[in-house]
Structures are given as structure tokens and as C-alpha cells.
mmCIF file of all heavy atoms, coordinates in Angstrom:
data_MODEL
# 
_entry.id   MODEL 
# 
loop_
_atom_site.group_PDB 
_atom_site.id 
_atom_site.type_symbol 
_atom_site.label_atom_id 
_atom_site.label_alt_id 
_atom_site.label_comp_id 
_atom_site.label_asym_id 
_atom_site.label_entity_id 
_atom_site.label_seq_id 
_atom_site.pdbx_PDB_ins_code 
_atom_site.Cartn_x 
_atom_site.Cartn_y 
_atom_site.Cartn_z 
_atom_site.occupancy 
_atom_site.B_iso_or_equiv 
_atom_site.pdbx_formal_charge 
_atom_site.auth_seq_id 
_atom_site.auth_comp_id 
_atom_site.auth_asym_id 
_atom_site.auth_atom_id 
_atom_site.pdbx_PDB_model_num 
ATOM 1   N N   . GLY A 1 1  ? -12.653 1.221   5.080   1.00 0.00 ? 1  GLY A N   1 
ATOM 2   C CA  . GLY A 1 1  ? -12.134 0.285   6.056   1.00 0.00 ? 1  GLY A CA  1 
ATOM 3   C C   . GLY A 1 1  ? -11.448 -0.935  5.466   1.00 0.00 ? 1  GLY A C   1 
ATOM 4   O O   . GLY A 1 1  ? -11.093 -1.865  6.201   1.00 0.00 ? 1  GLY A O   1 
ATOM 5   N N   . LEU A 1 2  ? -11.260 -0.956  4.145   1.00 0.00 ? 2  LEU A N   1 
ATOM 6   C CA  . LEU A 1 2  ? -10.582 -2.055  3.465   1.00 0.00 ? 2  LEU A CA  1 
ATOM 7   C C   . LEU A 1 2  ? -9.296  -1.537  2.825   1.00 0.00 ? 2  LEU A C   1 
ATOM 8   O O   . LEU A 1 2  ? -9.162  -0.327  2.585   1.00 0.00 ? 2  LEU A O   1 
ATOM 9   C CB  . LEU A 1 2  ? -11.486 -2.657  2.385   1.00 0.00 ? 2  LEU A CB  1 
ATOM 10  C CG  . LEU A 1 2  ? -12.906 -3.055  2.791   1.00 0.00 ? 2  LEU A CG  1 
ATOM 11  C CD1 . LEU A 1 2  ? -13.648 -3.610  1.592   1.00 0.00 ? 2  LEU A CD1 1 
ATOM 12  C CD2 . LEU A 1 2  ? -12.893 -4.064  3.933   1.00 0.00 ? 2  LEU A CD2 1 
ATOM 13  N N   . ALA A 1 3  ? -8.366  -2.442  2.544   1.00 0.00 ? 3  ALA A N   1 
ATOM 14  C CA  . ALA A 1 3  ? -7.097  -2.030  1.931   1.00 0.00 ? 3  ALA A CA  1 
ATOM 15  C C   . ALA A 1 3  ? -6.657  -3.049  0.890   1.00 0.00 ? 3  ALA A C   1 
ATOM 16  O O   . ALA A 1 3  ? -6.902  -4.255  1.026   1.00 0.00 ? 3  ALA A O   1 
ATOM 17  C CB  . ALA A 1 3  ? -6.010  -1.874  2.995   1.00 0.00 ? 3  ALA A CB  1 
ATOM 18  N N   . ASN A 1 4  ? -6.007  -2.543  -0.138  1.00 0.00 ? 4  ASN A N   1 
ATOM 19  C CA  . ASN A 1 4  ? -5.401  -3.392  -1.169  1.00 0.00 ? 4  ASN A CA  1 
ATOM 20  C C   . ASN A 1 4  ? -4.230  -2.631  -1.773  1.00 0.00 ? 4  ASN A C   1 
ATOM 21  O O   . ASN A 1 4  ? -4.016  -1.445  -1.468  1.00 0.00 ? 4  ASN A O   1 
ATOM 22  C CB  . ASN A 1 4  ? -6.441  -3.764  -2.238  1.00 0.00 ? 4  ASN A CB  1 
ATOM 23  C CG  . ASN A 1 4  ? -6.026  -4.982  -3.052  1.00 0.00 ? 4  ASN A CG  1 
ATOM 24  O OD1 . ASN A 1 4  ? -4.962  -5.568  -2.834  1.00 0.00 ? 4  ASN A OD1 1 
ATOM 25  N ND2 . ASN A 1 4  ? -6.865  -5.361  -4.002  1.00 0.00 ? 4  ASN A ND2 1 
ATOM 26  N N   . TRP A 1 5  ? -3.462  -3.323  -2.602  1.00 0.00 ? 5  TRP A N   1 
ATOM 27  C CA  . TRP A 1 5  ? -2.323  -2.719  -3.281  1.00 0.00 ? 5  TRP A CA  1 
ATOM 28  C C   . TRP A 1 5  ? -2.451  -2.910  -4.787  1.00 0.00 ? 5  TRP A C   1 
ATOM 29  O O   . TRP A 1 5  ? -2.912  -3.962  -5.256  1.00 0.00 ? 5  TRP A O   1 
ATOM 30  C CB  . TRP A 1 5  ? -1.006  -3.369  -2.815  1.00 0.00 ? 5  TRP A CB  1 
ATOM 31  C CG  . TRP A 1 5  ? -0.561  -2.930  -1.463  1.00 0.00 ? 5  TRP A CG  1 
ATOM 32  C CD1 . TRP A 1 5  ? 0.358   -1.967  -1.164  1.00 0.00 ? 5  TRP A CD1 1 
ATOM 33  C CD2 . TRP A 1 5  ? -1.001  -3.462  -0.197  1.00 0.00 ? 5  TRP A CD2 1 
ATOM 34  N NE1 . TRP A 1 5  ? 0.522   -1.860  0.192   1.00 0.00 ? 5  TRP A NE1 1 
ATOM 35  C CE2 . TRP A 1 5  ? -0.300  -2.767  0.816   1.00 0.00 ? 5  TRP A CE2 1 
ATOM 36  C CE3 . TRP A 1 5  ? -1.924  -4.449  0.180   1.00 0.00 ? 5  TRP A CE3 1 
ATOM 37  C CZ2 . TRP A 1 5  ? -0.484  -3.028  2.171   1.00 0.00 ? 5  TRP A CZ2 1 
ATOM 38  C CZ3 . TRP A 1 5  ? -2.112  -4.719  1.529   1.00 0.00 ? 5  TRP A CZ3 1 
ATOM 39  C CH2 . TRP A 1 5  ? -1.406  -4.013  2.510   1.00 0.00 ? 5  TRP A CH2 1 
ATOM 40  N N   . ARG A 1 6  ? -2.086  -1.912  -5.525  1.00 0.00 ? 6  ARG A N   1 
ATOM 41  C CA  . ARG A 1 6  ? -2.045  -1.987  -6.989  1.00 0.00 ? 6  ARG A CA  1 
ATOM 42  C C   . ARG A 1 6  ? -1.062  -3.075  -7.410  1.00 0.00 ? 6  ARG A C   1 
ATOM 43  O O   . ARG A 1 6  ? -0.101  -3.362  -6.689  1.00 0.00 ? 6  ARG A O   1 
ATOM 44  C CB  . ARG A 1 6  ? -1.636  -0.640  -7.567  1.00 0.00 ? 6  ARG A CB  1 
ATOM 45  C CG  . ARG A 1 6  ? -0.292  -0.141  -7.054  1.00 0.00 ? 6  ARG A CG  1 
ATOM 46  C CD  . ARG A 1 6  ? 0.142   1.194   -7.649  1.00 0.00 ? 6  ARG A CD  1 
ATOM 47  N NE  . ARG A 1 6  ? -0.796  2.256   -7.348  1.00 0.00 ? 6  ARG A NE  1 
ATOM 48  C CZ  . ARG A 1 6  ? -0.964  3.325   -8.091  1.00 0.00 ? 6  ARG A CZ  1 
ATOM 49  N NH1 . ARG A 1 6  ? -0.247  3.482   -9.198  1.00 0.00 ? 6  ARG A NH1 1 
ATOM 50  N NH2 . ARG A 1 6  ? -1.814  4.243   -7.773  1.00 0.00 ? 6  ARG A NH2 1 
ATOM 51  N N   . ALA A 1 7  ? -1.282  -3.660  -8.574  1.00 0.00 ? 7  ALA A N   1 
ATOM 52  C CA  . ALA A 1 7  ? -0.385  -4.707  -9.052  1.00 0.00 ? 7  ALA A CA  1 
ATOM 53  C C   . ALA A 1 7  ? 1.016   -4.156  -9.331  1.00 0.00 ? 7  ALA A C   1 
ATOM 54  O O   . ALA A 1 7  ? 2.017   -4.745  -8.946  1.00 0.00 ? 7  ALA A O   1 
ATOM 55  C CB  . ALA A 1 7  ? -0.954  -5.358  -10.307 1.00 0.00 ? 7  ALA A CB  1 
ATOM 56  N N   . GLN A 1 8  ? 1.083   -2.997  -9.996  1.00 0.00 ? 8  GLN A N   1 
ATOM 57  C CA  . GLN A 1 8  ? 2.369   -2.376  -10.319 1.00 0.00 ? 8  GLN A CA  1 
ATOM 58  C C   . GLN A 1 8  ? 2.414   -0.971  -9.750  1.00 0.00 ? 8  GLN A C   1 
ATOM 59  O O   . GLN A 1 8  ? 1.400   -0.256  -9.724  1.00 0.00 ? 8  GLN A O   1 
ATOM 60  C CB  . GLN A 1 8  ? 2.581   -2.325  -11.825 1.00 0.00 ? 8  GLN A CB  1 
ATOM 61  C CG  . GLN A 1 8  ? 2.683   -3.701  -12.476 1.00 0.00 ? 8  GLN A CG  1 
ATOM 62  C CD  . GLN A 1 8  ? 3.423   -3.648  -13.796 1.00 0.00 ? 8  GLN A CD  1 
ATOM 63  O OE1 . GLN A 1 8  ? 4.439   -2.973  -13.927 1.00 0.00 ? 8  GLN A OE1 1 
ATOM 64  N NE2 . GLN A 1 8  ? 2.924   -4.376  -14.791 1.00 0.00 ? 8  GLN A NE2 1 
ATOM 65  N N   . LEU A 1 9  ? 3.607   -0.567  -9.332  1.00 0.00 ? 9  LEU A N   1 
ATOM 66  C CA  . LEU A 1 9  ? 3.762   0.773   -8.787  1.00 0.00 ? 9  LEU A CA  1 
ATOM 67  C C   . LEU A 1 9  ? 3.535   1.822   -9.874  1.00 0.00 ? 9  LEU A C   1 
ATOM 68  O O   . LEU A 1 9  ? 2.805   2.788   -9.673  1.00 0.00 ? 9  LEU A O   1 
ATOM 69  C CB  . LEU A 1 9  ? 5.165   0.931   -8.197  1.00 0.00 ? 9  LEU A CB  1 
ATOM 70  C CG  . LEU A 1 9  ? 5.466   2.295   -7.558  1.00 0.00 ? 9  LEU A CG  1 
ATOM 71  C CD1 . LEU A 1 9  ? 4.648   2.464   -6.291  1.00 0.00 ? 9  LEU A CD1 1 
ATOM 72  C CD2 . LEU A 1 9  ? 6.964   2.422   -7.250  1.00 0.00 ? 9  LEU A CD2 1 
ATOM 73  N N   . ILE A 1 10 ? 4.166   1.626   -11.020 1.00 0.00 ? 10 ILE A N   1 
ATOM 74  C CA  . ILE A 1 10 ? 4.128   2.621   -12.097 1.00 0.00 ? 10 ILE A CA  1 
ATOM 75  C C   . ILE A 1 10 ? 3.270   2.082   -13.232 1.00 0.00 ? 10 ILE A C   1 
ATOM 76  O O   . ILE A 1 10 ? 3.497   0.965   -13.727 1.00 0.00 ? 10 ILE A O   1 
ATOM 77  C CB  . ILE A 1 10 ? 5.554   2.935   -12.598 1.00 0.00 ? 10 ILE A CB  1 
ATOM 78  C CG1 . ILE A 1 10 ? 6.399   3.499   -11.445 1.00 0.00 ? 10 ILE A CG1 1 
ATOM 79  C CG2 . ILE A 1 10 ? 5.506   3.915   -13.767 1.00 0.00 ? 10 ILE A CG2 1 
ATOM 80  C CD1 . ILE A 1 10 ? 7.882   3.610   -11.775 1.00 0.00 ? 10 ILE A CD1 1 
ATOM 81  N N   . THR A 1 11 ? 2.283   2.832   -13.633 1.00 0.00 ? 11 THR A N   1 
ATOM 82  C CA  . THR A 1 11 ? 1.419   2.437   -14.743 1.00 0.00 ? 11 THR A CA  1 
ATOM 83  C C   . THR A 1 11 ? 1.687   3.330   -15.949 1.00 0.00 ? 11 THR A C   1 
ATOM 84  O O   . THR A 1 11 ? 2.172   4.459   -15.806 1.00 0.00 ? 11 THR A O   1 
ATOM 85  C CB  . THR A 1 11 ? -0.060  2.538   -14.350 1.00 0.00 ? 11 THR A CB  1 
ATOM 86  O OG1 . THR A 1 11 ? -0.337  3.875   -13.899 1.00 0.00 ? 11 THR A OG1 1 
ATOM 87  C CG2 . THR A 1 11 ? -0.399  1.565   -13.235 1.00 0.00 ? 11 THR A CG2 1 
ATOM 88  N N   . ALA A 1 12 ? 1.373   2.824   -17.111 1.00 0.00 ? 12 ALA A N   1 
ATOM 89  C CA  . ALA A 1 12 ? 1.571   3.588   -18.333 1.00 0.00 ? 12 ALA A CA  1 
ATOM 90  C C   . ALA A 1 12 ? 0.647   4.807   -18.358 1.00 0.00 ? 12 ALA A C   1 
ATOM 91  O O   . ALA A 1 12 ? -0.409  4.819   -17.707 1.00 0.00 ? 12 ALA A O   1 
ATOM 92  C CB  . ALA A 1 12 ? 1.299   2.706   -19.551 1.00 0.00 ? 12 ALA A CB  1 
ATOM 93  N N   . ALA A 1 13 ? 1.045   5.813   -19.082 1.00 0.00 ? 13 ALA A N   1 
ATOM 94  C CA  . ALA A 1 13 ? 0.249   7.036   -19.186 1.00 0.00 ? 13 ALA A CA  1 
ATOM 95  C C   . ALA A 1 13 ? -1.171  6.713   -19.635 1.00 0.00 ? 13 ALA A C   1 
ATOM 96  O O   . ALA A 1 13 ? -1.377  5.997   -20.616 1.00 0.00 ? 13 ALA A O   1 
ATOM 97  C CB  . ALA A 1 13 ? 0.904   8.007   -20.161 1.00 0.00 ? 13 ALA A CB  1 
ATOM 98  N N   . GLY A 1 14 ? -2.146  7.195   -18.908 1.00 0.00 ? 14 GLY A N   1 
ATOM 99  C CA  . GLY A 1 14 ? -3.542  6.981   -19.256 1.00 0.00 ? 14 GLY A CA  1 
ATOM 100 C C   . GLY A 1 14 ? -4.146  5.710   -18.679 1.00 0.00 ? 14 GLY A C   1 
ATOM 101 O O   . GLY A 1 14 ? -5.357  5.507   -18.765 1.00 0.00 ? 14 GLY A O   1 
ATOM 102 N N   . GLU A 1 15 ? -3.317  4.835   -18.125 1.00 0.00 ? 15 GLU A N   1 
ATOM 103 C CA  . GLU A 1 15 ? -3.825  3.590   -17.537 1.00 0.00 ? 15 GLU A CA  1 
ATOM 104 C C   . GLU A 1 15 ? -4.145  3.782   -16.058 1.00 0.00 ? 15 GLU A C   1 
ATOM 105 O O   . GLU A 1 15 ? -3.445  4.498   -15.344 1.00 0.00 ? 15 GLU A O   1 
ATOM 106 C CB  . GLU A 1 15 ? -2.791  2.462   -17.680 1.00 0.00 ? 15 GLU A CB  1 
ATOM 107 C CG  . GLU A 1 15 ? -2.673  1.897   -19.066 1.00 0.00 ? 15 GLU A CG  1 
ATOM 108 C CD  . GLU A 1 15 ? -1.788  0.658   -19.086 1.00 0.00 ? 15 GLU A CD  1 
ATOM 109 O OE1 . GLU A 1 15 ? -1.380  0.196   -17.993 1.00 0.00 ? 15 GLU A OE1 1 
ATOM 110 O OE2 . GLU A 1 15 ? -1.496  0.169   -20.185 1.00 0.00 ? 15 GLU A OE2 1 
ATOM 111 N N   . LYS A 1 16 ? -5.201  3.116   -15.621 1.00 0.00 ? 16 LYS A N   1 
ATOM 112 C CA  . LYS A 1 16 ? -5.543  3.140   -14.204 1.00 0.00 ? 16 LYS A CA  1 
ATOM 113 C C   . LYS A 1 16 ? -4.852  1.976   -13.500 1.00 0.00 ? 16 LYS A C   1 
ATOM 114 O O   . LYS A 1 16 ? -4.632  0.922   -14.101 1.00 0.00 ? 16 LYS A O   1 
ATOM 115 C CB  . LYS A 1 16 ? -7.056  3.031   -14.027 1.00 0.00 ? 16 LYS A CB  1 
ATOM 116 C CG  . LYS A 1 16 ? -7.840  4.236   -14.520 1.00 0.00 ? 16 LYS A CG  1 
ATOM 117 C CD  . LYS A 1 16 ? -9.323  4.058   -14.245 1.00 0.00 ? 16 LYS A CD  1 
ATOM 118 C CE  . LYS A 1 16 ? -10.115 5.276   -14.709 1.00 0.00 ? 16 LYS A CE  1 
ATOM 119 N NZ  . LYS A 1 16 ? -11.578 5.114   -14.442 1.00 0.00 ? 16 LYS A NZ  1 
ATOM 120 N N   . PRO A 1 17 ? -4.517  2.141   -12.224 1.00 0.00 ? 17 PRO A N   1 
ATOM 121 C CA  . PRO A 1 17 ? -3.923  1.015   -11.485 1.00 0.00 ? 17 PRO A CA  1 
ATOM 122 C C   . PRO A 1 17 ? -4.875  -0.175  -11.474 1.00 0.00 ? 17 PRO A C   1 
ATOM 123 O O   . PRO A 1 17 ? -6.093  -0.021  -11.427 1.00 0.00 ? 17 PRO A O   1 
ATOM 124 C CB  . PRO A 1 17 ? -3.744  1.577   -10.072 1.00 0.00 ? 17 PRO A CB  1 
ATOM 125 C CG  . PRO A 1 17 ? -3.755  3.064   -10.233 1.00 0.00 ? 17 PRO A CG  1 
ATOM 126 C CD  . PRO A 1 17 ? -4.654  3.351   -11.389 1.00 0.00 ? 17 PRO A CD  1 
ATOM 127 N N   . ARG A 1 18 ? -4.303  -1.369  -11.531 1.00 0.00 ? 18 ARG A N   1 
ATOM 128 C CA  . ARG A 1 18 ? -5.094  -2.601  -11.545 1.00 0.00 ? 18 ARG A CA  1 
ATOM 129 C C   . ARG A 1 18 ? -5.118  -3.197  -10.135 1.00 0.00 ? 18 ARG A C   1 
ATOM 130 O O   . ARG A 1 18 ? -4.071  -3.382  -9.516  1.00 0.00 ? 18 ARG A O   1 
ATOM 131 C CB  . ARG A 1 18 ? -4.482  -3.585  -12.525 1.00 0.00 ? 18 ARG A CB  1 
ATOM 132 C CG  . ARG A 1 18 ? -5.329  -4.819  -12.786 1.00 0.00 ? 18 ARG A CG  1 
ATOM 133 C CD  . ARG A 1 18 ? -4.618  -5.759  -13.723 1.00 0.00 ? 18 ARG A CD  1 
ATOM 134 N NE  . ARG A 1 18 ? -5.461  -6.871  -14.110 1.00 0.00 ? 18 ARG A NE  1 
ATOM 135 C CZ  . ARG A 1 18 ? -5.005  -8.039  -14.529 1.00 0.00 ? 18 ARG A CZ  1 
ATOM 136 N NH1 . ARG A 1 18 ? -3.703  -8.232  -14.610 1.00 0.00 ? 18 ARG A NH1 1 
ATOM 137 N NH2 . ARG A 1 18 ? -5.826  -9.011  -14.870 1.00 0.00 ? 18 ARG A NH2 1 
ATOM 138 N N   . PHE A 1 19 ? -6.323  -3.497  -9.640  1.00 0.00 ? 19 PHE A N   1 
ATOM 139 C CA  . PHE A 1 19 ? -6.465  -4.087  -8.321  1.00 0.00 ? 19 PHE A CA  1 
ATOM 140 C C   . PHE A 1 19 ? -7.099  -5.474  -8.443  1.00 0.00 ? 19 PHE A C   1 
ATOM 141 O O   . PHE A 1 19 ? -8.214  -5.601  -8.970  1.00 0.00 ? 19 PHE A O   1 
ATOM 142 C CB  . PHE A 1 19 ? -7.335  -3.214  -7.420  1.00 0.00 ? 19 PHE A CB  1 
ATOM 143 C CG  . PHE A 1 19 ? -6.690  -1.912  -7.028  1.00 0.00 ? 19 PHE A CG  1 
ATOM 144 C CD1 . PHE A 1 19 ? -6.928  -0.758  -7.762  1.00 0.00 ? 19 PHE A CD1 1 
ATOM 145 C CD2 . PHE A 1 19 ? -5.837  -1.849  -5.940  1.00 0.00 ? 19 PHE A CD2 1 
ATOM 146 C CE1 . PHE A 1 19 ? -6.334  0.444   -7.403  1.00 0.00 ? 19 PHE A CE1 1 
ATOM 147 C CE2 . PHE A 1 19 ? -5.222  -0.657  -5.582  1.00 0.00 ? 19 PHE A CE2 1 
ATOM 148 C CZ  . PHE A 1 19 ? -5.474  0.494   -6.318  1.00 0.00 ? 19 PHE A CZ  1 
ATOM 149 N N   . LEU A 1 20 ? -6.379  -6.486  -7.984  1.00 0.00 ? 20 LEU A N   1 
ATOM 150 C CA  . LEU A 1 20 ? -6.896  -7.845  -7.923  1.00 0.00 ? 20 LEU A CA  1 
ATOM 151 C C   . LEU A 1 20 ? -6.905  -8.299  -6.466  1.00 0.00 ? 20 LEU A C   1 
ATOM 152 O O   . LEU A 1 20 ? -6.367  -7.627  -5.589  1.00 0.00 ? 20 LEU A O   1 
ATOM 153 C CB  . LEU A 1 20 ? -6.042  -8.778  -8.780  1.00 0.00 ? 20 LEU A CB  1 
ATOM 154 C CG  . LEU A 1 20 ? -5.998  -8.467  -10.276 1.00 0.00 ? 20 LEU A CG  1 
ATOM 155 C CD1 . LEU A 1 20 ? -4.982  -9.354  -10.983 1.00 0.00 ? 20 LEU A CD1 1 
ATOM 156 C CD2 . LEU A 1 20 ? -7.375  -8.650  -10.905 1.00 0.00 ? 20 LEU A CD2 1 
ATOM 157 N N   . MET A 1 21 ? -7.515  -9.469  -6.217  1.00 0.00 ? 21 MET A N   1 
ATOM 158 C CA  . MET A 1 21 ? -7.606  -9.951  -4.846  1.00 0.00 ? 21 MET A CA  1 
ATOM 159 C C   . MET A 1 21 ? -7.243  -11.437 -4.837  1.00 0.00 ? 21 MET A C   1 
ATOM 160 O O   . MET A 1 21 ? -8.095  -12.321 -4.733  1.00 0.00 ? 21 MET A O   1 
ATOM 161 C CB  . MET A 1 21 ? -9.023  -9.727  -4.298  1.00 0.00 ? 21 MET A CB  1 
ATOM 162 C CG  . MET A 1 21 ? -9.153  -9.963  -2.797  1.00 0.00 ? 21 MET A CG  1 
ATOM 163 S SD  . MET A 1 21 ? -8.186  -8.837  -1.766  1.00 0.00 ? 21 MET A SD  1 
ATOM 164 C CE  . MET A 1 21 ? -9.061  -7.280  -2.025  1.00 0.00 ? 21 MET A CE  1 
ATOM 165 N N   . GLN A 1 22 ? -5.937  -11.714 -4.989  1.00 0.00 ? 22 GLN A N   1 
ATOM 166 C CA  . GLN A 1 22 ? -5.435  -13.076 -4.975  1.00 0.00 ? 22 GLN A CA  1 
ATOM 167 C C   . GLN A 1 22 ? -3.978  -13.030 -4.529  1.00 0.00 ? 22 GLN A C   1 
ATOM 168 O O   . GLN A 1 22 ? -3.374  -11.959 -4.469  1.00 0.00 ? 22 GLN A O   1 
ATOM 169 C CB  . GLN A 1 22 ? -5.567  -13.712 -6.359  1.00 0.00 ? 22 GLN A CB  1 
ATOM 170 C CG  . GLN A 1 22 ? -4.940  -12.910 -7.485  1.00 0.00 ? 22 GLN A CG  1 
ATOM 171 C CD  . GLN A 1 22 ? -5.484  -13.274 -8.858  1.00 0.00 ? 22 GLN A CD  1 
ATOM 172 O OE1 . GLN A 1 22 ? -6.690  -13.425 -9.028  1.00 0.00 ? 22 GLN A OE1 1 
ATOM 173 N NE2 . GLN A 1 22 ? -4.600  -13.419 -9.840  1.00 0.00 ? 22 GLN A NE2 1 
ATOM 174 N N   . PHE A 1 23 ? -3.419  -14.178 -4.196  1.00 0.00 ? 23 PHE A N   1 
ATOM 175 C CA  . PHE A 1 23 ? -2.065  -14.174 -3.661  1.00 0.00 ? 23 PHE A CA  1 
ATOM 176 C C   . PHE A 1 23 ? -1.082  -13.497 -4.602  1.00 0.00 ? 23 PHE A C   1 
ATOM 177 O O   . PHE A 1 23 ? -0.292  -12.643 -4.191  1.00 0.00 ? 23 PHE A O   1 
ATOM 178 C CB  . PHE A 1 23 ? -1.579  -15.600 -3.370  1.00 0.00 ? 23 PHE A CB  1 
ATOM 179 C CG  . PHE A 1 23 ? -0.148  -15.642 -2.931  1.00 0.00 ? 23 PHE A CG  1 
ATOM 180 C CD1 . PHE A 1 23 ? 0.195   -15.408 -1.609  1.00 0.00 ? 23 PHE A CD1 1 
ATOM 181 C CD2 . PHE A 1 23 ? 0.878   -15.854 -3.845  1.00 0.00 ? 23 PHE A CD2 1 
ATOM 182 C CE1 . PHE A 1 23 ? 1.521   -15.396 -1.203  1.00 0.00 ? 23 PHE A CE1 1 
ATOM 183 C CE2 . PHE A 1 23 ? 2.207   -15.857 -3.456  1.00 0.00 ? 23 PHE A CE2 1 
ATOM 184 C CZ  . PHE A 1 23 ? 2.527   -15.627 -2.132  1.00 0.00 ? 23 PHE A CZ  1 
ATOM 185 N N   . CYS A 1 24 ? -1.116  -13.860 -5.865  1.00 0.00 ? 24 CYS A N   1 
ATOM 186 C CA  . CYS A 1 24 ? -0.097  -13.376 -6.801  1.00 0.00 ? 24 CYS A CA  1 
ATOM 187 C C   . CYS A 1 24 ? -0.242  -11.896 -7.147  1.00 0.00 ? 24 CYS A C   1 
ATOM 188 O O   . CYS A 1 24 ? 0.738   -11.272 -7.561  1.00 0.00 ? 24 CYS A O   1 
ATOM 189 C CB  . CYS A 1 24 ? -0.084  -14.223 -8.066  1.00 0.00 ? 24 CYS A CB  1 
ATOM 190 S SG  . CYS A 1 24 ? -1.677  -14.380 -8.884  1.00 0.00 ? 24 CYS A SG  1 
ATOM 191 N N   . HIS A 1 25 ? -1.423  -11.346 -7.003  1.00 0.00 ? 25 HIS A N   1 
ATOM 192 C CA  . HIS A 1 25 ? -1.642  -9.917  -7.235  1.00 0.00 ? 25 HIS A CA  1 
ATOM 193 C C   . HIS A 1 25 ? -2.728  -9.447  -6.261  1.00 0.00 ? 25 HIS A C   1 
ATOM 194 O O   . HIS A 1 25 ? -3.912  -9.675  -6.517  1.00 0.00 ? 25 HIS A O   1 
ATOM 195 C CB  . HIS A 1 25 ? -2.096  -9.632  -8.670  1.00 0.00 ? 25 HIS A CB  1 
ATOM 196 C CG  . HIS A 1 25 ? -1.130  -10.041 -9.725  1.00 0.00 ? 25 HIS A CG  1 
ATOM 197 N ND1 . HIS A 1 25 ? 0.089   -9.426  -9.917  1.00 0.00 ? 25 HIS A ND1 1 
ATOM 198 C CD2 . HIS A 1 25 ? -1.202  -11.023 -10.667 1.00 0.00 ? 25 HIS A CD2 1 
ATOM 199 C CE1 . HIS A 1 25 ? 0.722   -10.009 -10.927 1.00 0.00 ? 25 HIS A CE1 1 
ATOM 200 N NE2 . HIS A 1 25 ? -0.043  -10.977 -11.391 1.00 0.00 ? 25 HIS A NE2 1 
ATOM 201 N N   . GLY A 1 26 ? -2.350  -8.792  -5.198  1.00 0.00 ? 26 GLY A N   1 
ATOM 202 C CA  . GLY A 1 26 ? -3.371  -8.259  -4.325  1.00 0.00 ? 26 GLY A CA  1 
ATOM 203 C C   . GLY A 1 26 ? -3.124  -8.505  -2.850  1.00 0.00 ? 26 GLY A C   1 
ATOM 204 O O   . GLY A 1 26 ? -2.113  -9.084  -2.437  1.00 0.00 ? 26 GLY A O   1 
# 
């Protein structure tokens, strides 16, 4: 029931998407 957006659309091979919760990222 919650939603967020990854910081970057495309991540480097082997990297997981980064999720933050602040104005500048999240």
C-alpha cells in the first residue's frame, strides 16, 4: 500500500535500485 520511485531509471549491471525518502530523491 506504499509507493516510491528509484533514484535512477537505469542502474549499473549488478546494482540494485536505490530508494530514498526525501525531496531530492524519493
